[in-house]
Amino acid sequence: MVADDTQDIVELLKDILTSRGHQVVSVPDGVQMIEKAKTWRPQLIIADLMMPGAYGSAAYKALMDDPVTASIPVIFLTAVPEQQARRVVPPEGPKTKHMFKPVMPHALLAAVNAILGASAAPPPAPPQAPPPPPPPA
């Protein structure tokens, strides 16, 4: 799930993630992030820190306080200066990561894969058939 109130960012994140085989749904604010996480139960939430309705950090706390959503990992993606952001977001851990805009696609995908584990990696390319044998001499 992508939770961000800037549609251009949502579309960019969707493009990056769907190009690697992930299914992506989005919400425009923290309140919907909380509500939809309960019904959709995403494997991961990428949340902007500052959104209407409820900041990403407040929405995160609500998710962690609910047994239905407490196990969902969250990547905070924000344009807020790092020092300021670290005062309001939870510390990084196995299911929490901080990233700062602008984020490079490879860095985002590395964070997604690290949080979700190897199952988040795209499937390997199918093996190529061996070349045909040379014609008899």
N, C-alpha and C. Protein backbone atom coordinates (compact mmCIF):
# COMPACT_ATOMS: atom_id res chain seq x y z
N MET A 1 0.85 -1.17 0.00
CA MET A 1 0.00 0.00 0.00
C MET A 1 0.89 1.23 0.00
N VAL A 2 0.52 2.21 -0.80
CA VAL A 2 1.20 3.51 -0.81
C VAL A 2 0.23 4.52 -0.21
N ALA A 3 0.67 5.26 0.80
CA ALA A 3 -0.13 6.29 1.43
C ALA A 3 0.59 7.62 1.25
N ASP A 4 0.08 8.44 0.35
CA ASP A 4 0.70 9.74 0.07
C ASP A 4 -0.37 10.64 -0.54
N ASP A 5 -0.33 11.91 -0.18
CA ASP A 5 -1.33 12.85 -0.70
C ASP A 5 -0.88 13.53 -1.99
N THR A 6 0.28 13.23 -2.48
CA THR A 6 0.77 13.80 -3.73
C THR A 6 0.64 12.75 -4.83
N GLN A 7 -0.31 12.97 -5.74
CA GLN A 7 -0.62 11.97 -6.75
C GLN A 7 0.58 11.62 -7.63
N ASP A 8 1.43 12.59 -7.96
CA ASP A 8 2.61 12.29 -8.77
C ASP A 8 3.53 11.28 -8.07
N ILE A 9 3.69 11.43 -6.75
CA ILE A 9 4.51 10.50 -5.99
C ILE A 9 3.87 9.11 -5.98
N VAL A 10 2.55 9.08 -5.77
CA VAL A 10 1.82 7.80 -5.78
C VAL A 10 2.04 7.08 -7.10
N GLU A 11 1.88 7.80 -8.21
CA GLU A 11 2.04 7.17 -9.54
C GLU A 11 3.47 6.69 -9.76
N LEU A 12 4.44 7.47 -9.33
CA LEU A 12 5.84 7.07 -9.47
C LEU A 12 6.12 5.80 -8.67
N LEU A 13 5.66 5.76 -7.42
CA LEU A 13 5.89 4.59 -6.59
C LEU A 13 5.17 3.36 -7.16
N LYS A 14 3.96 3.57 -7.64
CA LYS A 14 3.22 2.46 -8.27
C LYS A 14 3.99 1.92 -9.47
N ASP A 15 4.50 2.82 -10.32
CA ASP A 15 5.26 2.39 -11.50
C ASP A 15 6.49 1.58 -11.10
N ILE A 16 7.22 2.07 -10.11
CA ILE A 16 8.43 1.37 -9.67
C ILE A 16 8.09 -0.01 -9.13
N LEU A 17 7.09 -0.07 -8.28
CA LEU A 17 6.76 -1.34 -7.63
C LEU A 17 6.08 -2.34 -8.56
N THR A 18 5.16 -1.86 -9.40
CA THR A 18 4.49 -2.79 -10.32
C THR A 18 5.45 -3.31 -11.38
N SER A 19 6.46 -2.52 -11.72
CA SER A 19 7.45 -3.00 -12.70
C SER A 19 8.24 -4.19 -12.17
N ARG A 20 8.21 -4.38 -10.87
CA ARG A 20 8.90 -5.51 -10.24
C ARG A 20 7.93 -6.58 -9.76
N GLY A 21 6.68 -6.50 -10.24
CA GLY A 21 5.71 -7.55 -9.96
C GLY A 21 4.89 -7.38 -8.70
N HIS A 22 5.01 -6.26 -8.03
CA HIS A 22 4.22 -6.02 -6.82
C HIS A 22 2.84 -5.48 -7.20
N GLN A 23 1.82 -5.87 -6.45
CA GLN A 23 0.50 -5.28 -6.59
C GLN A 23 0.45 -4.10 -5.65
N VAL A 24 -0.09 -2.97 -6.12
CA VAL A 24 -0.07 -1.75 -5.33
C VAL A 24 -1.46 -1.13 -5.27
N VAL A 25 -1.88 -0.79 -4.07
CA VAL A 25 -3.08 0.01 -3.85
C VAL A 25 -2.63 1.28 -3.17
N SER A 26 -3.44 2.33 -3.26
CA SER A 26 -3.02 3.60 -2.66
C SER A 26 -4.16 4.27 -1.93
N VAL A 27 -3.78 5.12 -0.98
CA VAL A 27 -4.70 5.96 -0.23
C VAL A 27 -4.08 7.35 -0.12
N PRO A 28 -4.92 8.40 -0.03
CA PRO A 28 -4.39 9.76 -0.04
C PRO A 28 -4.12 10.38 1.34
N ASP A 29 -4.42 9.66 2.43
CA ASP A 29 -4.22 10.27 3.74
C ASP A 29 -4.05 9.21 4.82
N GLY A 30 -3.67 9.67 6.00
CA GLY A 30 -3.39 8.76 7.11
C GLY A 30 -4.62 8.06 7.65
N VAL A 31 -5.77 8.72 7.64
CA VAL A 31 -7.00 8.10 8.13
C VAL A 31 -7.37 6.90 7.26
N GLN A 32 -7.33 7.09 5.94
CA GLN A 32 -7.63 5.97 5.05
C GLN A 32 -6.56 4.89 5.13
N MET A 33 -5.33 5.28 5.41
CA MET A 33 -4.27 4.30 5.58
C MET A 33 -4.63 3.34 6.72
N ILE A 34 -5.11 3.87 7.81
CA ILE A 34 -5.50 3.05 8.96
C ILE A 34 -6.69 2.16 8.59
N GLU A 35 -7.73 2.78 8.02
CA GLU A 35 -8.96 2.04 7.69
C GLU A 35 -8.71 0.94 6.67
N LYS A 36 -8.03 1.27 5.59
CA LYS A 36 -7.82 0.32 4.51
C LYS A 36 -6.83 -0.78 4.89
N ALA A 37 -5.88 -0.47 5.74
CA ALA A 37 -4.92 -1.49 6.17
C ALA A 37 -5.64 -2.62 6.91
N LYS A 38 -6.71 -2.28 7.62
CA LYS A 38 -7.46 -3.29 8.36
C LYS A 38 -8.18 -4.26 7.42
N THR A 39 -8.66 -3.75 6.29
CA THR A 39 -9.39 -4.62 5.37
C THR A 39 -8.49 -5.21 4.29
N TRP A 40 -7.55 -4.44 3.78
CA TRP A 40 -6.67 -4.92 2.72
C TRP A 40 -5.53 -5.78 3.23
N ARG A 41 -5.08 -5.52 4.43
CA ARG A 41 -3.94 -6.22 5.05
C ARG A 41 -2.75 -6.33 4.10
N PRO A 42 -2.18 -5.19 3.71
CA PRO A 42 -1.04 -5.22 2.78
C PRO A 42 0.19 -5.84 3.43
N GLN A 43 1.08 -6.33 2.59
CA GLN A 43 2.34 -6.89 3.09
C GLN A 43 3.29 -5.79 3.56
N LEU A 44 3.07 -4.57 3.06
CA LEU A 44 3.95 -3.44 3.35
C LEU A 44 3.19 -2.15 3.08
N ILE A 45 3.48 -1.12 3.88
CA ILE A 45 2.94 0.21 3.63
C ILE A 45 4.11 1.16 3.43
N ILE A 46 4.05 1.94 2.35
CA ILE A 46 5.00 3.03 2.13
C ILE A 46 4.21 4.30 2.40
N ALA A 47 4.56 5.03 3.45
CA ALA A 47 3.75 6.15 3.92
C ALA A 47 4.54 7.44 3.94
N ASP A 48 3.91 8.48 3.41
CA ASP A 48 4.43 9.83 3.56
C ASP A 48 4.31 10.20 5.04
N LEU A 49 5.20 11.03 5.52
CA LEU A 49 5.14 11.43 6.92
C LEU A 49 4.06 12.48 7.14
N MET A 50 3.97 13.46 6.24
CA MET A 50 3.01 14.54 6.42
C MET A 50 1.88 14.41 5.40
N MET A 51 0.71 14.00 5.91
CA MET A 51 -0.48 13.83 5.06
C MET A 51 -1.66 14.44 5.78
N PRO A 52 -2.71 14.77 5.02
CA PRO A 52 -3.93 15.25 5.67
C PRO A 52 -4.59 14.15 6.49
N GLY A 53 -5.42 14.54 7.43
CA GLY A 53 -6.17 13.57 8.22
C GLY A 53 -5.39 13.07 9.41
N ALA A 54 -4.29 12.44 9.15
CA ALA A 54 -3.40 11.94 10.21
C ALA A 54 -2.01 11.82 9.61
N TYR A 55 -1.03 12.35 10.28
CA TYR A 55 0.34 12.20 9.80
C TYR A 55 0.68 10.71 9.76
N GLY A 56 1.65 10.37 8.93
CA GLY A 56 2.07 8.98 8.83
C GLY A 56 2.50 8.39 10.15
N SER A 57 3.14 9.21 11.00
CA SER A 57 3.60 8.70 12.29
C SER A 57 2.42 8.39 13.22
N ALA A 58 1.37 9.22 13.20
CA ALA A 58 0.18 8.96 14.01
C ALA A 58 -0.56 7.74 13.48
N ALA A 59 -0.65 7.61 12.16
CA ALA A 59 -1.30 6.45 11.56
C ALA A 59 -0.52 5.18 11.91
N TYR A 60 0.81 5.26 11.89
CA TYR A 60 1.65 4.13 12.25
C TYR A 60 1.35 3.67 13.68
N LYS A 61 1.26 4.62 14.60
CA LYS A 61 0.97 4.27 15.99
C LYS A 61 -0.38 3.56 16.09
N ALA A 62 -1.38 4.06 15.36
CA ALA A 62 -2.70 3.41 15.37
C ALA A 62 -2.60 1.99 14.81
N LEU A 63 -1.82 1.80 13.75
CA LEU A 63 -1.65 0.47 13.18
C LEU A 63 -0.97 -0.47 14.18
N MET A 64 0.05 0.01 14.87
CA MET A 64 0.79 -0.83 15.81
C MET A 64 -0.04 -1.16 17.05
N ASP A 65 -1.01 -0.32 17.37
CA ASP A 65 -1.87 -0.56 18.54
C ASP A 65 -3.01 -1.52 18.24
N ASP A 66 -3.20 -1.88 16.98
CA ASP A 66 -4.29 -2.77 16.57
C ASP A 66 -3.71 -4.14 16.23
N PRO A 67 -4.15 -5.20 16.89
CA PRO A 67 -3.58 -6.52 16.60
C PRO A 67 -3.77 -6.97 15.15
N VAL A 68 -4.77 -6.45 14.48
CA VAL A 68 -5.02 -6.82 13.08
C VAL A 68 -3.93 -6.28 12.15
N THR A 69 -3.38 -5.11 12.49
CA THR A 69 -2.42 -4.44 11.61
C THR A 69 -1.02 -4.30 12.20
N ALA A 70 -0.82 -4.74 13.41
CA ALA A 70 0.46 -4.51 14.11
C ALA A 70 1.66 -5.14 13.42
N SER A 71 1.43 -6.17 12.62
CA SER A 71 2.58 -6.85 12.00
C SER A 71 2.94 -6.27 10.63
N ILE A 72 2.20 -5.27 10.15
CA ILE A 72 2.47 -4.71 8.82
C ILE A 72 3.69 -3.79 8.90
N PRO A 73 4.73 -4.07 8.12
CA PRO A 73 5.90 -3.18 8.11
C PRO A 73 5.60 -1.87 7.37
N VAL A 74 6.33 -0.82 7.74
CA VAL A 74 6.11 0.51 7.16
C VAL A 74 7.45 1.13 6.77
N ILE A 75 7.49 1.64 5.55
CA ILE A 75 8.59 2.48 5.10
C ILE A 75 8.07 3.91 5.08
N PHE A 76 8.68 4.79 5.87
CA PHE A 76 8.31 6.20 5.84
C PHE A 76 9.13 6.88 4.75
N LEU A 77 8.44 7.54 3.84
CA LEU A 77 9.08 8.25 2.73
C LEU A 77 8.67 9.70 2.87
N THR A 78 9.64 10.58 3.12
CA THR A 78 9.29 11.96 3.43
C THR A 78 10.27 12.97 2.85
N ALA A 79 9.78 14.18 2.67
CA ALA A 79 10.63 15.30 2.26
C ALA A 79 11.04 16.14 3.47
N VAL A 80 10.55 15.78 4.65
CA VAL A 80 10.91 16.49 5.88
C VAL A 80 12.39 16.25 6.14
N PRO A 81 13.13 17.26 6.57
CA PRO A 81 14.55 17.07 6.86
C PRO A 81 14.76 15.91 7.85
N GLU A 82 15.82 15.17 7.62
CA GLU A 82 16.07 13.94 8.38
C GLU A 82 16.05 14.15 9.89
N GLN A 83 16.70 15.18 10.37
CA GLN A 83 16.76 15.41 11.82
C GLN A 83 15.36 15.64 12.38
N GLN A 84 14.54 16.40 11.68
CA GLN A 84 13.17 16.67 12.12
C GLN A 84 12.32 15.40 12.05
N ALA A 85 12.47 14.64 10.98
CA ALA A 85 11.68 13.42 10.80
C ALA A 85 11.98 12.41 11.90
N ARG A 86 13.22 12.27 12.27
CA ARG A 86 13.60 11.26 13.26
C ARG A 86 13.00 11.56 14.64
N ARG A 87 12.57 12.81 14.86
CA ARG A 87 11.93 13.14 16.14
C ARG A 87 10.50 12.64 16.21
N VAL A 88 9.86 12.39 15.05
CA VAL A 88 8.44 12.02 15.07
C VAL A 88 8.15 10.60 14.57
N VAL A 89 9.10 9.98 13.91
CA VAL A 89 8.86 8.62 13.44
C VAL A 89 9.51 7.63 14.40
N PRO A 90 8.98 6.42 14.46
CA PRO A 90 9.60 5.43 15.34
C PRO A 90 10.99 5.07 14.85
N PRO A 91 11.82 4.56 15.72
CA PRO A 91 13.17 4.17 15.29
C PRO A 91 13.10 3.06 14.24
N GLU A 92 14.11 3.01 13.40
CA GLU A 92 14.18 1.96 12.40
C GLU A 92 14.36 0.62 13.11
N GLY A 93 13.78 -0.40 12.52
CA GLY A 93 13.88 -1.75 13.05
C GLY A 93 13.57 -2.74 11.95
N PRO A 94 13.30 -3.98 12.30
CA PRO A 94 13.06 -5.00 11.28
C PRO A 94 11.84 -4.70 10.41
N LYS A 95 10.87 -3.95 10.93
CA LYS A 95 9.69 -3.66 10.12
C LYS A 95 9.41 -2.17 9.98
N THR A 96 10.43 -1.36 10.19
CA THR A 96 10.28 0.09 10.03
C THR A 96 11.55 0.64 9.38
N LYS A 97 11.35 1.46 8.35
CA LYS A 97 12.49 2.05 7.63
C LYS A 97 12.16 3.50 7.32
N HIS A 98 13.17 4.35 7.30
CA HIS A 98 13.03 5.76 6.93
C HIS A 98 13.73 6.00 5.61
N MET A 99 13.06 6.69 4.69
CA MET A 99 13.68 7.09 3.43
C MET A 99 13.31 8.54 3.16
N PHE A 100 14.18 9.23 2.46
CA PHE A 100 13.98 10.66 2.26
C PHE A 100 13.90 10.99 0.78
N LYS A 101 12.92 11.84 0.44
CA LYS A 101 12.70 12.27 -0.95
C LYS A 101 13.78 13.26 -1.33
N PRO A 102 14.25 13.22 -2.54
CA PRO A 102 13.88 12.26 -3.58
C PRO A 102 14.59 10.94 -3.33
N VAL A 103 13.89 9.85 -3.60
CA VAL A 103 14.46 8.52 -3.39
C VAL A 103 14.74 7.90 -4.75
N MET A 104 15.84 7.22 -4.83
CA MET A 104 16.20 6.54 -6.07
C MET A 104 15.44 5.22 -6.14
N PRO A 105 14.95 4.84 -7.32
CA PRO A 105 14.18 3.60 -7.43
C PRO A 105 14.91 2.37 -6.89
N HIS A 106 16.22 2.25 -7.17
CA HIS A 106 16.95 1.07 -6.69
C HIS A 106 17.03 1.05 -5.16
N ALA A 107 17.12 2.22 -4.54
CA ALA A 107 17.16 2.28 -3.08
C ALA A 107 15.81 1.89 -2.48
N LEU A 108 14.73 2.35 -3.11
CA LEU A 108 13.40 1.98 -2.65
C LEU A 108 13.20 0.47 -2.77
N LEU A 109 13.54 -0.08 -3.92
CA LEU A 109 13.35 -1.52 -4.12
C LEU A 109 14.22 -2.33 -3.16
N ALA A 110 15.42 -1.86 -2.87
CA ALA A 110 16.28 -2.55 -1.90
C ALA A 110 15.63 -2.55 -0.52
N ALA A 111 15.02 -1.42 -0.14
CA ALA A 111 14.35 -1.34 1.16
C ALA A 111 13.14 -2.26 1.20
N VAL A 112 12.36 -2.28 0.13
CA VAL A 112 11.19 -3.16 0.04
C VAL A 112 11.64 -4.62 0.17
N ASN A 113 12.65 -4.99 -0.58
CA ASN A 113 13.14 -6.36 -0.54
C ASN A 113 13.71 -6.72 0.83
N ALA A 114 14.40 -5.79 1.46
CA ALA A 114 14.96 -6.06 2.79
C ALA A 114 13.87 -6.29 3.81
N ILE A 115 12.80 -5.50 3.73
CA ILE A 115 11.71 -5.65 4.70
C ILE A 115 10.89 -6.91 4.42
N LEU A 116 10.58 -7.15 3.17
CA LEU A 116 9.74 -8.29 2.83
C LEU A 116 10.51 -9.60 2.72
N GLY A 117 11.82 -9.50 2.56
CA GLY A 117 12.63 -10.70 2.41
C GLY A 117 12.70 -11.15 0.96
N ALA A 118 13.26 -12.27 0.76
CA ALA A 118 13.50 -12.77 -0.60
C ALA A 118 12.22 -12.94 -1.39
N SER A 119 11.07 -13.15 -0.71
CA SER A 119 9.82 -13.35 -1.43
C SER A 119 9.40 -12.09 -2.18
N ALA A 120 9.95 -10.93 -1.80
CA ALA A 120 9.58 -9.70 -2.48
C ALA A 120 10.36 -9.51 -3.77
N ALA A 121 11.41 -10.28 -3.96
CA ALA A 121 12.21 -10.14 -5.17
C ALA A 121 11.42 -10.67 -6.36
N PRO A 122 11.62 -10.08 -7.52
CA PRO A 122 10.90 -10.59 -8.69
C PRO A 122 11.35 -12.00 -9.00
N PRO A 123 10.48 -12.79 -9.62
CA PRO A 123 10.88 -14.16 -9.92
C PRO A 123 12.05 -14.17 -10.89
N PRO A 124 12.93 -15.17 -10.78
CA PRO A 124 14.08 -15.22 -11.69
C PRO A 124 13.61 -15.49 -13.11
N ALA A 125 14.42 -15.08 -14.05
CA ALA A 125 14.11 -15.34 -15.46
C ALA A 125 14.17 -16.84 -15.70
N PRO A 126 13.30 -17.34 -16.57
CA PRO A 126 13.34 -18.79 -16.83
C PRO A 126 14.66 -19.15 -17.50
N PRO A 127 15.14 -20.36 -17.23
CA PRO A 127 16.42 -20.75 -17.83
C PRO A 127 16.28 -20.84 -19.35
N GLN A 128 17.34 -20.52 -20.02
CA GLN A 128 17.33 -20.60 -21.48
C GLN A 128 17.66 -22.02 -21.89
N ALA A 129 17.05 -22.44 -22.97
CA ALA A 129 17.32 -23.78 -23.49
C ALA A 129 18.75 -23.83 -23.98
N PRO A 130 19.41 -25.00 -23.84
CA PRO A 130 20.79 -25.09 -24.33
C PRO A 130 20.81 -24.98 -25.86
N PRO A 131 21.90 -24.52 -26.41
CA PRO A 131 21.98 -24.40 -27.87
C PRO A 131 21.89 -25.78 -28.52
N PRO A 132 21.37 -25.84 -29.73
CA PRO A 132 21.28 -27.15 -30.39
C PRO A 132 22.68 -27.70 -30.67
N PRO A 133 22.79 -29.03 -30.75
CA PRO A 133 24.12 -29.61 -31.02
C PRO A 133 24.57 -29.25 -32.44
N PRO A 134 25.87 -29.22 -32.66
CA PRO A 134 26.35 -28.89 -34.01
C PRO A 134 25.95 -30.02 -34.99
N PRO A 135 25.81 -29.69 -36.26
CA PRO A 135 25.44 -30.73 -37.24
C PRO A 135 26.58 -31.73 -37.37
N PRO A 136 26.24 -32.99 -37.70
CA PRO A 136 27.31 -33.99 -37.86
C PRO A 136 28.24 -33.62 -39.01
N ALA A 137 29.49 -34.00 -38.88
CA ALA A 137 30.49 -33.67 -39.89
C ALA A 137 30.53 -34.66 -41.00
